[in-house]
Amino acid sequence: MWDAPLDPESERRLAEWMQTLAAEPIALPPAATATEIWQKAELLRRWDAHRKAAAPIEMGERAQVGIGLVGALVLLVWVSRQLPSGTMSPTLVAALGATVLLLVSAAAFSIWALLSREQT
């Protein structure tokens, strides 16, 4: 990255600056005050209350996704049985295949999200 060598004066000044920097004491962060500790505890309490309040909503969303997947699968089976046996064009087969692929990927993602949420 540094192509040109430094001249002796620049190298000496750089070495002095690095030694000066190394000699500087590292400032420790100030200790937390009682007010800061209380505010953090209050924030954590609010986050926990929010998480507990949102849990039923999240479960409802998961149930909604599951019901939607089952409904889409039932609709797919129903449509495939309503078609006359000789009308399976390549376009229809591709559309049905894409639908099945989307349903399987949505189900896999939902299961993955559910399992990853339970581990945390």
PDB file of N, CA and C in Angstrom:
ATOM      1  N   MET A   1       0.818  -1.177   0.000  1.00  0.00           N
ATOM      2  CA  MET A   1       0.000   0.000   0.000  1.00  0.00           C
ATOM      3  C   MET A   1       0.872   1.255   0.000  1.00  0.00           C
ATOM      4  N   TRP A   2       1.963   1.251   0.778  1.00  0.00           N
ATOM      5  CA  TRP A   2       2.866   2.396   0.830  1.00  0.00           C
ATOM      6  C   TRP A   2       4.015   2.065  -0.096  1.00  0.00           C
ATOM      7  N   ASP A   3       4.076   2.738  -1.228  1.00  0.00           N
ATOM      8  CA  ASP A   3       5.069   2.390  -2.239  1.00  0.00           C
ATOM      9  C   ASP A   3       6.425   3.035  -1.987  1.00  0.00           C
ATOM     10  N   ALA A   4       6.445   4.316  -1.724  1.00  0.00           N
ATOM     11  CA  ALA A   4       7.716   5.040  -1.588  1.00  0.00           C
ATOM     12  C   ALA A   4       8.244   4.920  -0.167  1.00  0.00           C
ATOM     13  N   PRO A   5       9.550   4.636  -0.005  1.00  0.00           N
ATOM     14  CA  PRO A   5      10.117   4.590   1.358  1.00  0.00           C
ATOM     15  C   PRO A   5      10.152   5.996   1.955  1.00  0.00           C
ATOM     16  N   LEU A   6      10.069   6.052   3.264  1.00  0.00           N
ATOM     17  CA  LEU A   6      10.107   7.341   3.949  1.00  0.00           C
ATOM     18  C   LEU A   6      11.540   7.845   4.029  1.00  0.00           C
ATOM     19  N   ASP A   7      11.673   9.151   4.012  1.00  0.00           N
ATOM     20  CA  ASP A   7      13.010   9.709   4.220  1.00  0.00           C
ATOM     21  C   ASP A   7      13.332   9.580   5.707  1.00  0.00           C
ATOM     22  N   PRO A   8      14.595   9.607   6.098  1.00  0.00           N
ATOM     23  CA  PRO A   8      14.980   9.376   7.502  1.00  0.00           C
ATOM     24  C   PRO A   8      14.316  10.342   8.481  1.00  0.00           C
ATOM     25  N   GLU A   9      14.131  11.595   8.114  1.00  0.00           N
ATOM     26  CA  GLU A   9      13.514  12.571   9.028  1.00  0.00           C
ATOM     27  C   GLU A   9      12.042  12.231   9.271  1.00  0.00           C
ATOM     28  N   SER A  10      11.312  11.887   8.211  1.00  0.00           N
ATOM     29  CA  SER A  10       9.896  11.519   8.362  1.00  0.00           C
ATOM     30  C   SER A  10       9.758  10.240   9.172  1.00  0.00           C
ATOM     31  N   GLU A  11      10.675   9.311   8.941  1.00  0.00           N
ATOM     32  CA  GLU A  11      10.619   8.059   9.694  1.00  0.00           C
ATOM     33  C   GLU A  11      10.893   8.299  11.179  1.00  0.00           C
ATOM     34  N   ARG A  12      11.845   9.191  11.486  1.00  0.00           N
ATOM     35  CA  ARG A  12      12.151   9.503  12.886  1.00  0.00           C
ATOM     36  C   ARG A  12      10.959  10.187  13.556  1.00  0.00           C
ATOM     37  N   ARG A  13      10.326  11.154  12.852  1.00  0.00           N
ATOM     38  CA  ARG A  13       9.157  11.842  13.422  1.00  0.00           C
ATOM     39  C   ARG A  13       7.984  10.878  13.626  1.00  0.00           C
ATOM     40  N   LEU A  14       7.825   9.968  12.687  1.00  0.00           N
ATOM     41  CA  LEU A  14       6.754   8.985  12.815  1.00  0.00           C
ATOM     42  C   LEU A  14       7.000   8.059  14.003  1.00  0.00           C
ATOM     43  N   ALA A  15       8.254   7.644  14.185  1.00  0.00           N
ATOM     44  CA  ALA A  15       8.597   6.775  15.315  1.00  0.00           C
ATOM     45  C   ALA A  15       8.371   7.506  16.641  1.00  0.00           C
ATOM     46  N   GLU A  16       8.753   8.789  16.697  1.00  0.00           N
ATOM     47  CA  GLU A  16       8.517   9.578  17.912  1.00  0.00           C
ATOM     48  C   GLU A  16       7.027   9.694  18.217  1.00  0.00           C
ATOM     49  N   TRP A  17       6.248   9.965  17.174  1.00  0.00           N
ATOM     50  CA  TRP A  17       4.800  10.112  17.374  1.00  0.00           C
ATOM     51  C   TRP A  17       4.187   8.802  17.859  1.00  0.00           C
ATOM     52  N   MET A  18       4.634   7.679  17.290  1.00  0.00           N
ATOM     53  CA  MET A  18       4.105   6.374  17.704  1.00  0.00           C
ATOM     54  C   MET A  18       4.471   6.080  19.159  1.00  0.00           C
ATOM     55  N   GLN A  19       5.704   6.447  19.574  1.00  0.00           N
ATOM     56  CA  GLN A  19       6.102   6.241  20.967  1.00  0.00           C
ATOM     57  C   GLN A  19       5.302   7.133  21.903  1.00  0.00           C
ATOM     58  N   THR A  20       5.051   8.363  21.483  1.00  0.00           N
ATOM     59  CA  THR A  20       4.233   9.273  22.288  1.00  0.00           C
ATOM     60  C   THR A  20       2.814   8.727  22.424  1.00  0.00           C
ATOM     61  N   LEU A  21       2.273   8.230  21.328  1.00  0.00           N
ATOM     62  CA  LEU A  21       0.936   7.664  21.359  1.00  0.00           C
ATOM     63  C   LEU A  21       0.880   6.428  22.251  1.00  0.00           C
ATOM     64  N   ALA A  22       1.913   5.593  22.185  1.00  0.00           N
ATOM     65  CA  ALA A  22       1.949   4.384  23.008  1.00  0.00           C
ATOM     66  C   ALA A  22       2.070   4.721  24.486  1.00  0.00           C
ATOM     67  N   ALA A  23       2.696   5.855  24.813  1.00  0.00           N
ATOM     68  CA  ALA A  23       2.882   6.238  26.212  1.00  0.00           C
ATOM     69  C   ALA A  23       1.627   6.839  26.832  1.00  0.00           C
ATOM     70  N   GLU A  24       0.661   7.262  26.002  1.00  0.00           N
ATOM     71  CA  GLU A  24      -0.576   7.861  26.523  1.00  0.00           C
ATOM     72  C   GLU A  24      -1.363   6.819  27.302  1.00  0.00           C
ATOM     73  N   PRO A  25      -1.867   7.187  28.470  1.00  0.00           N
ATOM     74  CA  PRO A  25      -2.695   6.228  29.214  1.00  0.00           C
ATOM     75  C   PRO A  25      -4.058   6.041  28.527  1.00  0.00           C
ATOM     76  N   ILE A  26      -4.552   4.849  28.620  1.00  0.00           N
ATOM     77  CA  ILE A  26      -5.859   4.549  28.034  1.00  0.00           C
ATOM     78  C   ILE A  26      -6.922   4.975  29.040  1.00  0.00           C
ATOM     79  N   ALA A  27      -7.799   5.844  28.606  1.00  0.00           N
ATOM     80  CA  ALA A  27      -8.830   6.363  29.499  1.00  0.00           C
ATOM     81  C   ALA A  27      -9.911   5.308  29.696  1.00  0.00           C
ATOM     82  N   LEU A  28     -10.217   5.030  30.927  1.00  0.00           N
ATOM     83  CA  LEU A  28     -11.288   4.092  31.242  1.00  0.00           C
ATOM     84  C   LEU A  28     -12.624   4.823  31.189  1.00  0.00           C
ATOM     85  N   PRO A  29     -13.655   4.124  30.772  1.00  0.00           N
ATOM     86  CA  PRO A  29     -14.965   4.790  30.765  1.00  0.00           C
ATOM     87  C   PRO A  29     -15.407   5.064  32.199  1.00  0.00           C
ATOM     88  N   PRO A  30     -16.130   6.140  32.400  1.00  0.00           N
ATOM     89  CA  PRO A  30     -16.576   6.451  33.760  1.00  0.00           C
ATOM     90  C   PRO A  30     -17.539   5.372  34.267  1.00  0.00           C
ATOM     91  N   ALA A  31     -17.510   5.168  35.563  1.00  0.00           N
ATOM     92  CA  ALA A  31     -18.407   4.178  36.165  1.00  0.00           C
ATOM     93  C   ALA A  31     -19.851   4.629  35.993  1.00  0.00           C
ATOM     94  N   ALA A  32     -20.722   3.669  35.819  1.00  0.00           N
ATOM     95  CA  ALA A  32     -22.140   3.980  35.629  1.00  0.00           C
ATOM     96  C   ALA A  32     -22.725   4.550  36.918  1.00  0.00           C
ATOM     97  N   THR A  33     -23.538   5.562  36.760  1.00  0.00           N
ATOM     98  CA  THR A  33     -24.193   6.155  37.917  1.00  0.00           C
ATOM     99  C   THR A  33     -25.457   5.360  38.234  1.00  0.00           C
ATOM    100  N   ALA A  34     -26.030   5.626  39.365  1.00  0.00           N
ATOM    101  CA  ALA A  34     -27.256   4.940  39.762  1.00  0.00           C
ATOM    102  C   ALA A  34     -28.395   5.250  38.789  1.00  0.00           C
ATOM    103  N   THR A  35     -28.430   6.466  38.302  1.00  0.00           N
ATOM    104  CA  THR A  35     -29.473   6.851  37.351  1.00  0.00           C
ATOM    105  C   THR A  35     -29.337   6.066  36.051  1.00  0.00           C
ATOM    106  N   GLU A  36     -28.112   5.915  35.564  1.00  0.00           N
ATOM    107  CA  GLU A  36     -27.905   5.157  34.328  1.00  0.00           C
ATOM    108  C   GLU A  36     -28.293   3.686  34.504  1.00  0.00           C
ATOM    109  N   ILE A  37     -27.943   3.123  35.629  1.00  0.00           N
ATOM    110  CA  ILE A  37     -28.310   1.725  35.903  1.00  0.00           C
ATOM    111  C   ILE A  37     -29.820   1.586  35.966  1.00  0.00           C
ATOM    112  N   TRP A  38     -30.499   2.527  36.630  1.00  0.00           N
ATOM    113  CA  TRP A  38     -31.951   2.468  36.728  1.00  0.00           C
ATOM    114  C   TRP A  38     -32.582   2.603  35.345  1.00  0.00           C
ATOM    115  N   GLN A  39     -32.061   3.520  34.521  1.00  0.00           N
ATOM    116  CA  GLN A  39     -32.611   3.711  33.177  1.00  0.00           C
ATOM    117  C   GLN A  39     -32.434   2.461  32.319  1.00  0.00           C
ATOM    118  N   LYS A  40     -31.292   1.824  32.435  1.00  0.00           N
ATOM    119  CA  LYS A  40     -31.070   0.598  31.673  1.00  0.00           C
ATOM    120  C   LYS A  40     -32.013  -0.507  32.150  1.00  0.00           C
ATOM    121  N   ALA A  41     -32.189  -0.630  33.451  1.00  0.00           N
ATOM    122  CA  ALA A  41     -33.109  -1.630  33.975  1.00  0.00           C
ATOM    123  C   ALA A  41     -34.542  -1.352  33.519  1.00  0.00           C
ATOM    124  N   GLU A  42     -34.916  -0.091  33.501  1.00  0.00           N
ATOM    125  CA  GLU A  42     -36.256   0.290  33.043  1.00  0.00           C
ATOM    126  C   GLU A  42     -36.428  -0.038  31.558  1.00  0.00           C
ATOM    127  N   LEU A  43     -35.402   0.216  30.760  1.00  0.00           N
ATOM    128  CA  LEU A  43     -35.450  -0.107  29.339  1.00  0.00           C
ATOM    129  C   LEU A  43     -35.586  -1.614  29.128  1.00  0.00           C
ATOM    130  N   LEU A  44     -34.816  -2.397  29.876  1.00  0.00           N
ATOM    131  CA  LEU A  44     -34.909  -3.852  29.755  1.00  0.00           C
ATOM    132  C   LEU A  44     -36.286  -4.356  30.183  1.00  0.00           C
ATOM    133  N   ARG A  45     -36.856  -3.742  31.228  1.00  0.00           N
ATOM    134  CA  ARG A  45     -38.191  -4.134  31.674  1.00  0.00           C
ATOM    135  C   ARG A  45     -39.226  -3.835  30.592  1.00  0.00           C
ATOM    136  N   ARG A  46     -39.100  -2.682  29.940  1.00  0.00           N
ATOM    137  CA  ARG A  46     -40.036  -2.324  28.867  1.00  0.00           C
ATOM    138  C   ARG A  46     -39.888  -3.261  27.670  1.00  0.00           C
ATOM    139  N   TRP A  47     -38.645  -3.595  27.311  1.00  0.00           N
ATOM    140  CA  TRP A  47     -38.429  -4.523  26.201  1.00  0.00           C
ATOM    141  C   TRP A  47     -39.059  -5.878  26.506  1.00  0.00           C
ATOM    142  N   ASP A  48     -38.902  -6.344  27.743  1.00  0.00           N
ATOM    143  CA  ASP A  48     -39.475  -7.626  28.128  1.00  0.00           C
ATOM    144  C   ASP A  48     -41.000  -7.570  28.082  1.00  0.00           C
ATOM    145  N   ALA A  49     -41.581  -6.475  28.557  1.00  0.00           N
ATOM    146  CA  ALA A  49     -43.038  -6.327  28.499  1.00  0.00           C
ATOM    147  C   ALA A  49     -43.520  -6.287  27.053  1.00  0.00           C
ATOM    148  N   HIS A  50     -42.783  -5.614  26.177  1.00  0.00           N
ATOM    149  CA  HIS A  50     -43.154  -5.554  24.763  1.00  0.00           C
ATOM    150  C   HIS A  50     -43.076  -6.936  24.136  1.00  0.00           C
ATOM    151  N   ARG A  51     -42.028  -7.682  24.456  1.00  0.00           N
ATOM    152  CA  ARG A  51     -41.877  -9.023  23.907  1.00  0.00           C
ATOM    153  C   ARG A  51     -43.022  -9.927  24.354  1.00  0.00           C
ATOM    154  N   LYS A  52     -43.405  -9.829  25.621  1.00  0.00           N
ATOM    155  CA  LYS A  52     -44.507 -10.653  26.125  1.00  0.00           C
ATOM    156  C   LYS A  52     -45.842 -10.243  25.508  1.00  0.00           C
ATOM    157  N   ALA A  53     -46.026  -8.944  25.273  1.00  0.00           N
ATOM    158  CA  ALA A  53     -47.272  -8.478  24.666  1.00  0.00           C
ATOM    159  C   ALA A  53     -47.358  -8.868  23.195  1.00  0.00           C
ATOM    160  N   ALA A  54     -46.221  -8.936  22.512  1.00  0.00           N
ATOM    161  CA  ALA A  54     -46.219  -9.253  21.078  1.00  0.00           C
ATOM    162  C   ALA A  54     -46.247 -10.754  20.810  1.00  0.00           C
ATOM    163  N   ALA A  55     -46.018 -11.581  21.813  1.00  0.00           N
ATOM    164  CA  ALA A  55     -45.961 -13.035  21.602  1.00  0.00           C
ATOM    165  C   ALA A  55     -47.256 -13.597  21.010  1.00  0.00           C
ATOM    166  N   PRO A  56     -48.449 -13.243  21.522  1.00  0.00           N
ATOM    167  CA  PRO A  56     -49.670 -13.779  20.901  1.00  0.00           C
ATOM    168  C   PRO A  56     -49.857 -13.320  19.456  1.00  0.00           C
ATOM    169  N   ILE A  57     -49.434 -12.105  19.154  1.00  0.00           N
ATOM    170  CA  ILE A  57     -49.554 -11.600  17.785  1.00  0.00           C
ATOM    171  C   ILE A  57     -48.650 -12.410  16.866  1.00  0.00           C
ATOM    172  N   GLU A  58     -47.435 -12.685  17.320  1.00  0.00           N
ATOM    173  CA  GLU A  58     -46.508 -13.472  16.511  1.00  0.00           C
ATOM    174  C   GLU A  58     -47.028 -14.889  16.298  1.00  0.00           C
ATOM    175  N   MET A  59     -47.623 -15.474  17.324  1.00  0.00           N
ATOM    176  CA  MET A  59     -48.198 -16.816  17.159  1.00  0.00           C
ATOM    177  C   MET A  59     -49.362 -16.776  16.171  1.00  0.00           C
ATOM    178  N   GLY A  60     -50.165 -15.724  16.232  1.00  0.00           N
ATOM    179  CA  GLY A  60     -51.263 -15.574  15.274  1.00  0.00           C
ATOM    180  C   GLY A  60     -50.751 -15.439  13.849  1.00  0.00           C
ATOM    181  N   GLU A  61     -49.654 -14.708  13.675  1.00  0.00           N
ATOM    182  CA  GLU A  61     -49.076 -14.572  12.341  1.00  0.00           C
ATOM    183  C   GLU A  61     -48.578 -15.910  11.824  1.00  0.00           C
ATOM    184  N   ARG A  62     -47.964 -16.700  12.701  1.00  0.00           N
ATOM    185  CA  ARG A  62     -47.502 -18.035  12.292  1.00  0.00           C
ATOM    186  C   ARG A  62     -48.675 -18.924  11.911  1.00  0.00           C
ATOM    187  N   ALA A  63     -49.739 -18.860  12.708  1.00  0.00           N
ATOM    188  CA  ALA A  63     -50.927 -19.655  12.387  1.00  0.00           C
ATOM    189  C   ALA A  63     -51.522 -19.198  11.058  1.00  0.00           C
ATOM    190  N   GLN A  64     -51.524 -17.913  10.811  1.00  0.00           N
ATOM    191  CA  GLN A  64     -52.055 -17.380   9.566  1.00  0.00           C
ATOM    192  C   GLN A  64     -51.240 -17.880   8.372  1.00  0.00           C
ATOM    193  N   VAL A  65     -49.937 -17.924   8.498  1.00  0.00           N
ATOM    194  CA  VAL A  65     -49.091 -18.434   7.425  1.00  0.00           C
ATOM    195  C   VAL A  65     -49.381 -19.918   7.202  1.00  0.00           C
ATOM    196  N   GLY A  66     -49.506 -20.679   8.278  1.00  0.00           N
ATOM    197  CA  GLY A  66     -49.803 -22.101   8.142  1.00  0.00           C
ATOM    198  C   GLY A  66     -51.152 -22.344   7.480  1.00  0.00           C
ATOM    199  N   ILE A  67     -52.155 -21.598   7.886  1.00  0.00           N
ATOM    200  CA  ILE A  67     -53.486 -21.753   7.286  1.00  0.00           C
ATOM    201  C   ILE A  67     -53.444 -21.347   5.810  1.00  0.00           C
ATOM    202  N   GLY A  68     -52.709 -20.292   5.496  1.00  0.00           N
ATOM    203  CA  GLY A  68     -52.567 -19.874   4.104  1.00  0.00           C
ATOM    204  C   GLY A  68     -51.880 -20.933   3.254  1.00  0.00           C
ATOM    205  N   LEU A  69     -50.842 -21.570   3.801  1.00  0.00           N
ATOM    206  CA  LEU A  69     -50.159 -22.634   3.065  1.00  0.00           C
ATOM    207  C   LEU A  69     -51.072 -23.828   2.824  1.00  0.00           C
ATOM    208  N   VAL A  70     -51.800 -24.223   3.851  1.00  0.00           N
ATOM    209  CA  VAL A  70     -52.724 -25.358   3.693  1.00  0.00           C
ATOM    210  C   VAL A  70     -53.814 -25.006   2.687  1.00  0.00           C
ATOM    211  N   GLY A  71     -54.350 -23.801   2.774  1.00  0.00           N
ATOM    212  CA  GLY A  71     -55.380 -23.380   1.823  1.00  0.00           C
ATOM    213  C   GLY A  71     -54.864 -23.355   0.401  1.00  0.00           C
ATOM    214  N   ALA A  72     -53.659 -22.861   0.206  1.00  0.00           N
ATOM    215  CA  ALA A  72     -53.083 -22.841  -1.142  1.00  0.00           C
ATOM    216  C   ALA A  72     -52.860 -24.248  -1.672  1.00  0.00           C
ATOM    217  N   LEU A  73     -52.421 -25.142  -0.807  1.00  0.00           N
ATOM    218  CA  LEU A  73     -52.224 -26.528  -1.219  1.00  0.00           C
ATOM    219  C   LEU A  73     -53.550 -27.192  -1.586  1.00  0.00           C
ATOM    220  N   VAL A  74     -54.580 -26.961  -0.778  1.00  0.00           N
ATOM    221  CA  VAL A  74     -55.903 -27.514  -1.085  1.00  0.00           C
ATOM    222  C   VAL A  74     -56.415 -26.946  -2.415  1.00  0.00           C
ATOM    223  N   LEU A  75     -56.252 -25.662  -2.612  1.00  0.00           N
ATOM    224  CA  LEU A  75     -56.683 -25.044  -3.859  1.00  0.00           C
ATOM    225  C   LEU A  75     -55.916 -25.613  -5.057  1.00  0.00           C
ATOM    226  N   LEU A  76     -54.628 -25.845  -4.886  1.00  0.00           N
ATOM    227  CA  LEU A  76     -53.817 -26.429  -5.958  1.00  0.00           C
ATOM    228  C   LEU A  76     -54.309 -27.825  -6.316  1.00  0.00           C
ATOM    229  N   VAL A  77     -54.593 -28.640  -5.306  1.00  0.00           N
ATOM    230  CA  VAL A  77     -55.094 -30.002  -5.561  1.00  0.00           C
ATOM    231  C   VAL A  77     -56.464 -29.929  -6.221  1.00  0.00           C
ATOM    232  N   TRP A  78     -57.315 -29.047  -5.744  1.00  0.00           N
ATOM    233  CA  TRP A  78     -58.659 -28.926  -6.312  1.00  0.00           C
ATOM    234  C   TRP A  78     -58.601 -28.511  -7.780  1.00  0.00           C
ATOM    235  N   VAL A  79     -57.753 -27.509  -8.094  1.00  0.00           N
ATOM    236  CA  VAL A  79     -57.634 -27.052  -9.479  1.00  0.00           C
ATOM    237  C   VAL A  79     -57.088 -28.160 -10.362  1.00  0.00           C
ATOM    238  N   SER A  80     -56.108 -28.900  -9.867  1.00  0.00           N
ATOM    239  CA  SER A  80     -55.533 -29.961 -10.699  1.00  0.00           C
ATOM    240  C   SER A  80     -56.548 -31.071 -10.968  1.00  0.00           C
ATOM    241  N   ARG A  81     -57.479 -31.298 -10.058  1.00  0.00           N
ATOM    242  CA  ARG A  81     -58.501 -32.339 -10.276  1.00  0.00           C
ATOM    243  C   ARG A  81     -59.654 -31.835 -11.146  1.00  0.00           C
ATOM    244  N   GLN A  82     -59.872 -30.533 -11.210  1.00  0.00           N
ATOM    245  CA  GLN A  82     -60.949 -29.976 -12.010  1.00  0.00           C
ATOM    246  C   GLN A  82     -60.596 -29.902 -13.500  1.00  0.00           C
ATOM    247  N   LEU A  83     -59.326 -29.944 -13.797  1.00  0.00           N
ATOM    248  CA  LEU A  83     -58.905 -29.855 -15.188  1.00  0.00           C
ATOM    249  C   LEU A  83     -59.198 -31.166 -15.914  1.00  0.00           C
ATOM    250  N   PRO A  84     -59.641 -31.093 -17.148  1.00  0.00           N
ATOM    251  CA  PRO A  84     -59.801 -32.319 -17.925  1.00  0.00           C
ATOM    252  C   PRO A  84     -58.437 -32.991 -18.094  1.00  0.00           C
ATOM    253  N   SER A  85     -58.450 -34.294 -18.238  1.00  0.00           N
ATOM    254  CA  SER A  85     -57.193 -35.047 -18.225  1.00  0.00           C
ATOM    255  C   SER A  85     -56.277 -34.715 -19.400  1.00  0.00           C
ATOM    256  N   GLY A  86     -56.775 -34.270 -20.515  1.00  0.00           N
ATOM    257  CA  GLY A  86     -55.936 -34.015 -21.667  1.00  0.00           C
ATOM    258  C   GLY A  86     -55.469 -32.581 -21.817  1.00  0.00           C
ATOM    259  N   THR A  87     -55.706 -31.713 -20.828  1.00  0.00           N
ATOM    260  CA  THR A  87     -55.397 -30.288 -20.989  1.00  0.00           C
ATOM    261  C   THR A  87     -54.140 -29.863 -20.240  1.00  0.00           C
ATOM    262  N   MET A  88     -53.246 -30.745 -19.972  1.00  0.00           N
ATOM    263  CA  MET A  88     -52.022 -30.395 -19.232  1.00  0.00           C
ATOM    264  C   MET A  88     -50.973 -29.871 -20.209  1.00  0.00           C
ATOM    265  N   SER A  89     -51.046 -28.613 -20.535  1.00  0.00           N
ATOM    266  CA  SER A  89     -50.076 -27.996 -21.436  1.00  0.00           C
ATOM    267  C   SER A  89     -48.765 -27.764 -20.680  1.00  0.00           C
ATOM    268  N   PRO A  90     -47.672 -27.589 -21.394  1.00  0.00           N
ATOM    269  CA  PRO A  90     -46.398 -27.320 -20.721  1.00  0.00           C
ATOM    270  C   PRO A  90     -46.433 -26.052 -19.860  1.00  0.00           C
ATOM    271  N   THR A  91     -47.178 -25.062 -20.283  1.00  0.00           N
ATOM    272  CA  THR A  91     -47.294 -23.835 -19.497  1.00  0.00           C
ATOM    273  C   THR A  91     -48.010 -24.105 -18.180  1.00  0.00           C
ATOM    274  N   LEU A  92     -49.072 -24.889 -18.233  1.00  0.00           N
ATOM    275  CA  LEU A  92     -49.803 -25.224 -17.014  1.00  0.00           C
ATOM    276  C   LEU A  92     -48.954 -26.072 -16.086  1.00  0.00           C
ATOM    277  N   VAL A  93     -48.206 -27.011 -16.633  1.00  0.00           N
ATOM    278  CA  VAL A  93     -47.317 -27.838 -15.810  1.00  0.00           C
ATOM    279  C   VAL A  93     -46.251 -26.969 -15.154  1.00  0.00           C
ATOM    280  N   ALA A  94     -45.693 -26.013 -15.888  1.00  0.00           N
ATOM    281  CA  ALA A  94     -44.692 -25.111 -15.317  1.00  0.00           C
ATOM    282  C   ALA A  94     -45.304 -24.244 -14.221  1.00  0.00           C
ATOM    283  N   ALA A  95     -46.528 -23.764 -14.443  1.00  0.00           N
ATOM    284  CA  ALA A  95     -47.190 -22.941 -13.429  1.00  0.00           C
ATOM    285  C   ALA A  95     -47.476 -23.743 -12.170  1.00  0.00           C
ATOM    286  N   LEU A  96     -47.956 -24.969 -12.339  1.00  0.00           N
ATOM    287  CA  LEU A  96     -48.208 -25.823 -11.172  1.00  0.00           C
ATOM    288  C   LEU A  96     -46.908 -26.168 -10.458  1.00  0.00           C
ATOM    289  N   GLY A  97     -45.864 -26.430 -11.216  1.00  0.00           N
ATOM    290  CA  GLY A  97     -44.560 -26.717 -10.602  1.00  0.00           C
ATOM    291  C   GLY A  97     -44.026 -25.532  -9.819  1.00  0.00           C
ATOM    292  N   ALA A  98     -44.157 -24.336 -10.392  1.00  0.00           N
ATOM    293  CA  ALA A  98     -43.719 -23.129  -9.692  1.00  0.00           C
ATOM    294  C   ALA A  98     -44.533 -22.902  -8.424  1.00  0.00           C
ATOM    295  N   THR A  99     -45.830 -23.208  -8.501  1.00  0.00           N
ATOM    296  CA  THR A  99     -46.682 -23.059  -7.316  1.00  0.00           C
ATOM    297  C   THR A  99     -46.254 -24.014  -6.219  1.00  0.00           C
ATOM    298  N   VAL A 100     -45.997 -25.250  -6.593  1.00  0.00           N
ATOM    299  CA  VAL A 100     -45.543 -26.232  -5.599  1.00  0.00           C
ATOM    300  C   VAL A 100     -44.207 -25.801  -5.009  1.00  0.00           C
ATOM    301  N   LEU A 101     -43.306 -25.319  -5.848  1.00  0.00           N
ATOM    302  CA  LEU A 101     -42.004 -24.856  -5.364  1.00  0.00           C
ATOM    303  C   LEU A 101     -42.161 -23.695  -4.387  1.00  0.00           C
ATOM    304  N   LEU A 102     -43.031 -22.745  -4.697  1.00  0.00           N
ATOM    305  CA  LEU A 102     -43.266 -21.621  -3.791  1.00  0.00           C
ATOM    306  C   LEU A 102     -43.888 -22.076  -2.478  1.00  0.00           C
ATOM    307  N   LEU A 103     -44.832 -23.013  -2.551  1.00  0.00           N
ATOM    308  CA  LEU A 103     -45.450 -23.513  -1.323  1.00  0.00           C
ATOM    309  C   LEU A 103     -44.429 -24.223  -0.443  1.00  0.00           C
ATOM    310  N   VAL A 104     -43.599 -25.047  -1.049  1.00  0.00           N
ATOM    311  CA  VAL A 104     -42.588 -25.779  -0.275  1.00  0.00           C
ATOM    312  C   VAL A 104     -41.567 -24.814   0.322  1.00  0.00           C
ATOM    313  N   SER A 105     -41.132 -23.821  -0.445  1.00  0.00           N
ATOM    314  CA  SER A 105     -40.156 -22.870   0.090  1.00  0.00           C
ATOM    315  C   SER A 105     -40.768 -22.008   1.201  1.00  0.00           C
ATOM    316  N   ALA A 106     -42.031 -21.621   1.053  1.00  0.00           N
ATOM    317  CA  ALA A 106     -42.682 -20.839   2.118  1.00  0.00           C
ATOM    318  C   ALA A 106     -42.837 -21.672   3.381  1.00  0.00           C
ATOM    319  N   ALA A 107     -43.186 -22.949   3.220  1.00  0.00           N
ATOM    320  CA  ALA A 107     -43.310 -23.823   4.389  1.00  0.00           C
ATOM    321  C   ALA A 107     -41.952 -24.024   5.046  1.00  0.00           C
ATOM    322  N   ALA A 108     -40.915 -24.236   4.251  1.00  0.00           N
ATOM    323  CA  ALA A 108     -39.575 -24.428   4.819  1.00  0.00           C
ATOM    324  C   ALA A 108     -39.108 -23.176   5.549  1.00  0.00           C
ATOM    325  N   PHE A 109     -39.354 -22.002   4.969  1.00  0.00           N
ATOM    326  CA  PHE A 109     -38.957 -20.768   5.632  1.00  0.00           C
ATOM    327  C   PHE A 109     -39.726 -20.567   6.932  1.00  0.00           C
ATOM    328  N   SER A 110     -41.010 -20.890   6.927  1.00  0.00           N
ATOM    329  CA  SER A 110     -41.816 -20.744   8.145  1.00  0.00           C
ATOM    330  C   SER A 110     -41.315 -21.672   9.244  1.00  0.00           C
ATOM    331  N   ILE A 111     -40.987 -22.886   8.883  1.00  0.00           N
ATOM    332  CA  ILE A 111     -40.475 -23.840   9.877  1.00  0.00           C
ATOM    333  C   ILE A 111     -39.122 -23.369  10.392  1.00  0.00           C
ATOM    334  N   TRP A 112     -38.267 -22.893   9.484  1.00  0.00           N
ATOM    335  CA  TRP A 112     -36.964 -22.393   9.905  1.00  0.00           C
ATOM    336  C   TRP A 112     -37.113 -21.213  10.863  1.00  0.00           C
ATOM    337  N   ALA A 113     -38.017 -20.281  10.549  1.00  0.00           N
ATOM    338  CA  ALA A 113     -38.228 -19.108  11.408  1.00  0.00           C
ATOM    339  C   ALA A 113     -38.771 -19.528  12.768  1.00  0.00           C
ATOM    340  N   LEU A 114     -39.656 -20.497  12.779  1.00  0.00           N
ATOM    341  CA  LEU A 114     -40.221 -20.983  14.037  1.00  0.00           C
ATOM    342  C   LEU A 114     -39.142 -21.633  14.888  1.00  0.00           C
ATOM    343  N   LEU A 115     -38.315 -22.457  14.281  1.00  0.00           N
ATOM    344  CA  LEU A 115     -37.254 -23.124  15.050  1.00  0.00           C
ATOM    345  C   LEU A 115     -36.193 -22.151  15.531  1.00  0.00           C
ATOM    346  N   SER A 116     -35.835 -21.178  14.711  1.00  0.00           N
ATOM    347  CA  SER A 116     -34.821 -20.216  15.144  1.00  0.00           C
ATOM    348  C   SER A 116     -35.372 -19.303  16.233  1.00  0.00           C
ATOM    349  N   ARG A 117     -36.661 -19.019  16.230  1.00  0.00           N
ATOM    350  CA  ARG A 117     -37.271 -18.179  17.264  1.00  0.00           C
ATOM    351  C   ARG A 117     -37.302 -18.926  18.592  1.00  0.00           C
ATOM    352  N   GLU A 118     -37.528 -20.252  18.551  1.00  0.00           N
ATOM    353  CA  GLU A 118     -37.587 -21.039  19.793  1.00  0.00           C
ATOM    354  C   GLU A 118     -36.232 -21.161  20.448  1.00  0.00           C
ATOM    355  N   GLN A 119     -35.147 -21.115  19.678  1.00  0.00           N
ATOM    356  CA  GLN A 119     -33.820 -21.266  20.236  1.00  0.00           C
ATOM    357  C   GLN A 119     -33.341 -20.001  20.944  1.00  0.00           C
ATOM    358  N   THR A 120     -33.911 -18.849  20.610  1.00  0.00           N
ATOM    359  CA  THR A 120     -33.468 -17.609  21.246  1.00  0.00           C
ATOM    360  C   THR A 120     -34.240 -17.313  22.484  1.00  0.00           C
TER     361      THR A 120
END
